[in-house]
Amino acid sequence: QVQLVESGGGLVQTGGSLRLSCTASGDVDSGAIMRYWRQFPDKQREMVARNTKGGLTNYAESVKGRFTFSRDNAKMTVTLEMNDLKVEDTGIYYCNYLSKGSSYWGPGTQVTVSS
């Protein structure tokens, strides 16, 4: 079993910044893929970013140039730095851990961007 603890999020005005963090514990695998997803108010979901142990990082087109996803394998922690936030970034952000055919999800954290 893997547990994910998320932190960060909150309310910010347009153009502001927030940082999300997610730490995996338990039976963790340093080779796991870790991702952030978000669910918009209309319930649509989008993968925001993903990061592999090898350092390959992919971003959704909508966040490229504004969000930075980093990973600390020693701490099994990923961080999503979100800059120049827009109203359309509002949603619930979920950390996701993938390894050996198993997928684990964090509880989610609310990000609200006001105009």
N, C-alpha and C. Protein backbone atom coordinates (compact mmCIF):
# COMPACT_ATOMS: atom_id res chain seq x y z
N GLN A 1 0.84 -1.19 0.00
CA GLN A 1 0.00 0.00 0.00
C GLN A 1 0.88 1.25 0.00
N VAL A 2 0.37 2.25 -0.65
CA VAL A 2 1.05 3.54 -0.72
C VAL A 2 0.07 4.61 -0.25
N GLN A 3 0.56 5.50 0.57
CA GLN A 3 -0.26 6.61 1.03
C GLN A 3 0.31 7.90 0.45
N LEU A 4 -0.59 8.77 0.07
CA LEU A 4 -0.20 10.06 -0.49
C LEU A 4 -0.74 11.17 0.40
N VAL A 5 0.15 12.05 0.80
CA VAL A 5 -0.24 13.20 1.60
C VAL A 5 0.02 14.45 0.79
N GLU A 6 -1.03 15.21 0.61
CA GLU A 6 -0.93 16.42 -0.20
C GLU A 6 -0.97 17.66 0.70
N SER A 7 -0.35 18.71 0.20
CA SER A 7 -0.40 19.99 0.90
C SER A 7 -0.37 21.10 -0.13
N GLY A 8 -0.73 22.29 0.33
CA GLY A 8 -0.75 23.43 -0.55
C GLY A 8 -2.16 23.73 -1.02
N GLY A 9 -2.24 24.51 -2.05
CA GLY A 9 -3.55 24.91 -2.56
C GLY A 9 -4.08 26.11 -1.82
N GLY A 10 -5.30 26.47 -2.13
CA GLY A 10 -5.92 27.62 -1.48
C GLY A 10 -6.52 28.58 -2.47
N LEU A 11 -6.70 29.80 -2.02
CA LEU A 11 -7.34 30.85 -2.82
C LEU A 11 -6.30 31.89 -3.21
N VAL A 12 -6.30 32.26 -4.47
CA VAL A 12 -5.34 33.26 -4.95
C VAL A 12 -6.01 34.07 -6.06
N GLN A 13 -5.52 35.26 -6.26
CA GLN A 13 -6.05 36.08 -7.34
C GLN A 13 -5.35 35.76 -8.66
N THR A 14 -5.99 36.15 -9.73
CA THR A 14 -5.42 35.95 -11.05
C THR A 14 -4.01 36.53 -11.12
N GLY A 15 -3.11 35.73 -11.68
CA GLY A 15 -1.72 36.15 -11.77
C GLY A 15 -0.87 35.71 -10.59
N GLY A 16 -1.50 35.19 -9.58
CA GLY A 16 -0.78 34.77 -8.39
C GLY A 16 -0.14 33.41 -8.54
N SER A 17 0.44 32.94 -7.45
CA SER A 17 1.16 31.67 -7.46
C SER A 17 0.74 30.82 -6.27
N LEU A 18 0.82 29.53 -6.49
CA LEU A 18 0.60 28.56 -5.42
C LEU A 18 1.55 27.40 -5.62
N ARG A 19 1.79 26.69 -4.54
CA ARG A 19 2.62 25.50 -4.61
C ARG A 19 1.88 24.33 -4.00
N LEU A 20 1.87 23.23 -4.73
CA LEU A 20 1.31 21.99 -4.22
C LEU A 20 2.43 20.97 -4.02
N SER A 21 2.29 20.19 -2.96
CA SER A 21 3.26 19.13 -2.71
C SER A 21 2.54 17.83 -2.41
N CYS A 22 3.21 16.76 -2.73
CA CYS A 22 2.64 15.44 -2.49
C CYS A 22 3.77 14.50 -2.10
N THR A 23 3.60 13.83 -0.97
CA THR A 23 4.62 12.89 -0.49
C THR A 23 4.03 11.50 -0.42
N ALA A 24 4.74 10.56 -1.00
CA ALA A 24 4.32 9.17 -0.98
C ALA A 24 5.06 8.42 0.12
N SER A 25 4.34 7.57 0.81
CA SER A 25 4.95 6.75 1.86
C SER A 25 4.35 5.35 1.82
N GLY A 26 4.98 4.47 2.55
CA GLY A 26 4.54 3.08 2.55
C GLY A 26 5.43 2.25 1.66
N ASP A 27 4.85 1.39 0.87
CA ASP A 27 5.58 0.49 -0.01
C ASP A 27 5.90 1.21 -1.33
N VAL A 28 6.73 2.22 -1.22
CA VAL A 28 6.98 3.07 -2.38
C VAL A 28 8.06 2.51 -3.29
N ASP A 29 7.98 2.90 -4.52
CA ASP A 29 8.92 2.48 -5.55
C ASP A 29 9.50 3.74 -6.16
N SER A 30 10.80 3.90 -6.09
CA SER A 30 11.42 5.12 -6.61
C SER A 30 11.26 5.25 -8.12
N GLY A 31 10.91 4.16 -8.77
CA GLY A 31 10.68 4.21 -10.21
C GLY A 31 9.25 4.54 -10.58
N ALA A 32 8.43 4.82 -9.61
CA ALA A 32 7.02 5.11 -9.88
C ALA A 32 6.87 6.38 -10.71
N ILE A 33 5.82 6.39 -11.50
CA ILE A 33 5.42 7.61 -12.19
C ILE A 33 4.51 8.38 -11.25
N MET A 34 4.76 9.66 -11.13
CA MET A 34 3.90 10.49 -10.30
C MET A 34 3.31 11.59 -11.16
N ARG A 35 2.05 11.86 -10.92
CA ARG A 35 1.33 12.80 -11.76
C ARG A 35 0.45 13.70 -10.91
N TYR A 36 0.09 14.81 -11.46
CA TYR A 36 -0.96 15.66 -10.91
C TYR A 36 -2.09 15.73 -11.93
N TRP A 37 -3.26 15.49 -11.45
CA TRP A 37 -4.46 15.68 -12.25
C TRP A 37 -5.27 16.80 -11.61
N ARG A 38 -6.19 17.33 -12.38
CA ARG A 38 -7.13 18.28 -11.80
C ARG A 38 -8.53 18.01 -12.32
N GLN A 39 -9.48 18.31 -11.47
CA GLN A 39 -10.89 18.19 -11.85
C GLN A 39 -11.49 19.58 -11.81
N PHE A 40 -12.04 19.99 -12.91
CA PHE A 40 -12.64 21.31 -13.02
C PHE A 40 -14.03 21.31 -12.37
N PRO A 41 -14.56 22.50 -12.11
CA PRO A 41 -15.91 22.58 -11.51
C PRO A 41 -16.99 21.84 -12.31
N ASP A 42 -16.78 21.71 -13.62
CA ASP A 42 -17.77 20.98 -14.42
C ASP A 42 -17.49 19.47 -14.44
N LYS A 43 -16.56 19.04 -13.59
CA LYS A 43 -16.20 17.62 -13.39
C LYS A 43 -15.29 17.06 -14.47
N GLN A 44 -14.95 17.84 -15.47
CA GLN A 44 -13.98 17.37 -16.44
C GLN A 44 -12.62 17.23 -15.76
N ARG A 45 -11.83 16.26 -16.22
CA ARG A 45 -10.52 16.03 -15.64
C ARG A 45 -9.43 16.23 -16.67
N GLU A 46 -8.29 16.65 -16.17
CA GLU A 46 -7.15 16.87 -17.05
C GLU A 46 -5.88 16.48 -16.30
N MET A 47 -4.99 15.79 -17.00
CA MET A 47 -3.69 15.51 -16.40
C MET A 47 -2.84 16.76 -16.54
N VAL A 48 -2.39 17.29 -15.44
CA VAL A 48 -1.66 18.54 -15.45
C VAL A 48 -0.19 18.31 -15.79
N ALA A 49 0.42 17.34 -15.12
CA ALA A 49 1.84 17.06 -15.33
C ALA A 49 2.16 15.68 -14.82
N ARG A 50 3.18 15.12 -15.39
CA ARG A 50 3.63 13.83 -14.89
C ARG A 50 5.15 13.81 -14.94
N ASN A 51 5.71 12.99 -14.07
CA ASN A 51 7.16 12.95 -13.93
C ASN A 51 7.59 11.53 -13.67
N THR A 52 8.60 11.08 -14.39
CA THR A 52 9.14 9.75 -14.17
C THR A 52 10.44 9.84 -13.40
N LYS A 53 10.89 8.72 -12.90
CA LYS A 53 12.13 8.70 -12.13
C LYS A 53 13.29 9.23 -12.95
N GLY A 54 13.25 8.95 -14.25
CA GLY A 54 14.33 9.38 -15.12
C GLY A 54 14.34 10.87 -15.39
N GLY A 55 13.36 11.56 -14.86
CA GLY A 55 13.35 13.01 -15.00
C GLY A 55 12.53 13.54 -16.16
N LEU A 56 11.90 12.64 -16.90
CA LEU A 56 11.06 13.09 -18.00
C LEU A 56 9.78 13.69 -17.44
N THR A 57 9.50 14.89 -17.85
CA THR A 57 8.30 15.58 -17.36
C THR A 57 7.45 16.03 -18.54
N ASN A 58 6.17 15.78 -18.44
CA ASN A 58 5.23 16.22 -19.47
C ASN A 58 4.18 17.12 -18.83
N TYR A 59 3.74 18.10 -19.58
CA TYR A 59 2.74 19.04 -19.09
C TYR A 59 1.56 19.12 -20.04
N ALA A 60 0.41 19.43 -19.48
CA ALA A 60 -0.72 19.76 -20.31
C ALA A 60 -0.41 21.07 -21.04
N GLU A 61 -0.91 21.18 -22.26
CA GLU A 61 -0.65 22.41 -23.03
C GLU A 61 -1.12 23.65 -22.29
N SER A 62 -2.18 23.50 -21.54
CA SER A 62 -2.80 24.64 -20.87
C SER A 62 -1.94 25.22 -19.75
N VAL A 63 -0.93 24.46 -19.31
CA VAL A 63 -0.12 24.95 -18.18
C VAL A 63 1.34 25.14 -18.55
N LYS A 64 1.71 24.77 -19.74
CA LYS A 64 3.11 24.91 -20.15
C LYS A 64 3.58 26.34 -20.00
N GLY A 65 4.76 26.48 -19.44
CA GLY A 65 5.33 27.80 -19.24
C GLY A 65 4.89 28.48 -17.95
N ARG A 66 3.87 27.92 -17.30
CA ARG A 66 3.38 28.52 -16.07
C ARG A 66 3.58 27.60 -14.86
N PHE A 67 3.48 26.32 -15.10
CA PHE A 67 3.62 25.34 -14.02
C PHE A 67 4.95 24.61 -14.15
N THR A 68 5.53 24.29 -12.99
CA THR A 68 6.75 23.50 -12.96
C THR A 68 6.58 22.34 -11.99
N PHE A 69 6.84 21.16 -12.51
CA PHE A 69 6.68 19.94 -11.73
C PHE A 69 8.05 19.38 -11.40
N SER A 70 8.34 19.23 -10.13
CA SER A 70 9.65 18.73 -9.74
C SER A 70 9.50 17.53 -8.81
N ARG A 71 10.57 16.81 -8.68
CA ARG A 71 10.51 15.54 -7.94
C ARG A 71 11.77 15.37 -7.10
N ASP A 72 11.57 14.93 -5.89
CA ASP A 72 12.68 14.60 -5.00
C ASP A 72 12.54 13.13 -4.65
N ASN A 73 13.32 12.30 -5.32
CA ASN A 73 13.19 10.86 -5.11
C ASN A 73 13.57 10.43 -3.71
N ALA A 74 14.52 11.11 -3.12
CA ALA A 74 14.96 10.72 -1.78
C ALA A 74 13.81 10.88 -0.78
N LYS A 75 12.97 11.87 -1.02
CA LYS A 75 11.85 12.13 -0.12
C LYS A 75 10.54 11.61 -0.69
N MET A 76 10.59 11.07 -1.89
CA MET A 76 9.39 10.64 -2.60
C MET A 76 8.34 11.74 -2.56
N THR A 77 8.78 12.90 -2.92
CA THR A 77 7.92 14.08 -2.91
C THR A 77 7.95 14.74 -4.28
N VAL A 78 6.79 15.13 -4.72
CA VAL A 78 6.71 15.94 -5.93
C VAL A 78 6.09 17.28 -5.57
N THR A 79 6.48 18.28 -6.32
CA THR A 79 6.00 19.63 -6.08
C THR A 79 5.52 20.23 -7.39
N LEU A 80 4.40 20.87 -7.33
CA LEU A 80 3.86 21.56 -8.51
C LEU A 80 3.84 23.05 -8.19
N GLU A 81 4.74 23.77 -8.82
CA GLU A 81 4.78 25.23 -8.68
C GLU A 81 3.87 25.82 -9.75
N MET A 82 2.91 26.58 -9.33
CA MET A 82 1.93 27.13 -10.27
C MET A 82 2.03 28.65 -10.26
N ASN A 83 2.41 29.20 -11.37
CA ASN A 83 2.56 30.65 -11.50
C ASN A 83 1.59 31.20 -12.53
N ASP A 84 1.40 32.51 -12.46
CA ASP A 84 0.51 33.17 -13.40
C ASP A 84 -0.83 32.45 -13.48
N LEU A 85 -1.40 32.20 -12.34
CA LEU A 85 -2.63 31.42 -12.29
C LEU A 85 -3.79 32.18 -12.92
N LYS A 86 -4.67 31.40 -13.54
CA LYS A 86 -5.82 31.95 -14.22
C LYS A 86 -7.10 31.38 -13.59
N VAL A 87 -8.18 32.07 -13.83
CA VAL A 87 -9.46 31.59 -13.28
C VAL A 87 -9.73 30.16 -13.73
N GLU A 88 -9.35 29.85 -14.96
CA GLU A 88 -9.62 28.51 -15.50
C GLU A 88 -8.73 27.43 -14.90
N ASP A 89 -7.81 27.81 -14.02
CA ASP A 89 -7.02 26.81 -13.30
C ASP A 89 -7.75 26.33 -12.04
N THR A 90 -8.85 26.94 -11.75
CA THR A 90 -9.64 26.56 -10.57
C THR A 90 -10.07 25.10 -10.67
N GLY A 91 -9.89 24.38 -9.57
CA GLY A 91 -10.31 22.99 -9.55
C GLY A 91 -9.73 22.27 -8.35
N ILE A 92 -9.99 20.99 -8.31
CA ILE A 92 -9.41 20.15 -7.28
C ILE A 92 -8.22 19.42 -7.90
N TYR A 93 -7.09 19.52 -7.26
CA TYR A 93 -5.86 18.94 -7.78
C TYR A 93 -5.54 17.66 -7.01
N TYR A 94 -5.27 16.61 -7.76
CA TYR A 94 -5.02 15.30 -7.17
C TYR A 94 -3.63 14.80 -7.54
N CYS A 95 -2.94 14.31 -6.56
CA CYS A 95 -1.67 13.63 -6.78
C CYS A 95 -1.96 12.17 -7.10
N ASN A 96 -1.21 11.62 -8.04
CA ASN A 96 -1.43 10.24 -8.47
C ASN A 96 -0.10 9.52 -8.59
N TYR A 97 -0.06 8.33 -8.04
CA TYR A 97 1.16 7.52 -8.01
C TYR A 97 0.89 6.24 -8.78
N LEU A 98 1.77 5.92 -9.72
CA LEU A 98 1.60 4.72 -10.55
C LEU A 98 2.84 3.85 -10.46
N SER A 99 2.62 2.58 -10.13
CA SER A 99 3.75 1.66 -10.10
C SER A 99 3.27 0.23 -10.10
N LYS A 100 3.91 -0.60 -10.88
CA LYS A 100 3.65 -2.05 -10.89
C LYS A 100 2.17 -2.36 -11.04
N GLY A 101 1.53 -1.62 -11.90
CA GLY A 101 0.12 -1.88 -12.18
C GLY A 101 -0.85 -1.33 -11.16
N SER A 102 -0.36 -0.67 -10.16
CA SER A 102 -1.24 -0.09 -9.14
C SER A 102 -1.25 1.43 -9.24
N SER A 103 -2.40 1.99 -8.91
CA SER A 103 -2.57 3.44 -8.96
C SER A 103 -3.14 3.90 -7.63
N TYR A 104 -2.52 4.92 -7.08
CA TYR A 104 -2.97 5.49 -5.82
C TYR A 104 -3.23 6.97 -6.01
N TRP A 105 -4.22 7.46 -5.25
CA TRP A 105 -4.61 8.86 -5.39
C TRP A 105 -4.58 9.56 -4.03
N GLY A 106 -4.17 10.80 -4.06
CA GLY A 106 -4.28 11.62 -2.88
C GLY A 106 -5.71 12.08 -2.71
N PRO A 107 -6.02 12.69 -1.58
CA PRO A 107 -7.39 13.13 -1.29
C PRO A 107 -7.83 14.34 -2.11
N GLY A 108 -6.85 15.02 -2.71
CA GLY A 108 -7.18 16.21 -3.48
C GLY A 108 -7.06 17.47 -2.66
N THR A 109 -6.72 18.54 -3.33
CA THR A 109 -6.62 19.84 -2.68
C THR A 109 -7.24 20.89 -3.58
N GLN A 110 -7.99 21.79 -2.99
CA GLN A 110 -8.72 22.78 -3.77
C GLN A 110 -7.81 23.96 -4.14
N VAL A 111 -7.87 24.32 -5.39
CA VAL A 111 -7.21 25.53 -5.88
C VAL A 111 -8.29 26.42 -6.47
N THR A 112 -8.39 27.63 -5.95
CA THR A 112 -9.39 28.57 -6.44
C THR A 112 -8.68 29.86 -6.85
N VAL A 113 -8.91 30.24 -8.08
CA VAL A 113 -8.31 31.47 -8.60
C VAL A 113 -9.44 32.46 -8.87
N SER A 114 -9.37 33.59 -8.22
CA SER A 114 -10.42 34.59 -8.37
C SER A 114 -9.97 35.71 -9.30
N SER A 115 -10.91 36.30 -9.96
CA SER A 115 -10.58 37.38 -10.90
C SER A 115 -10.53 38.73 -10.20
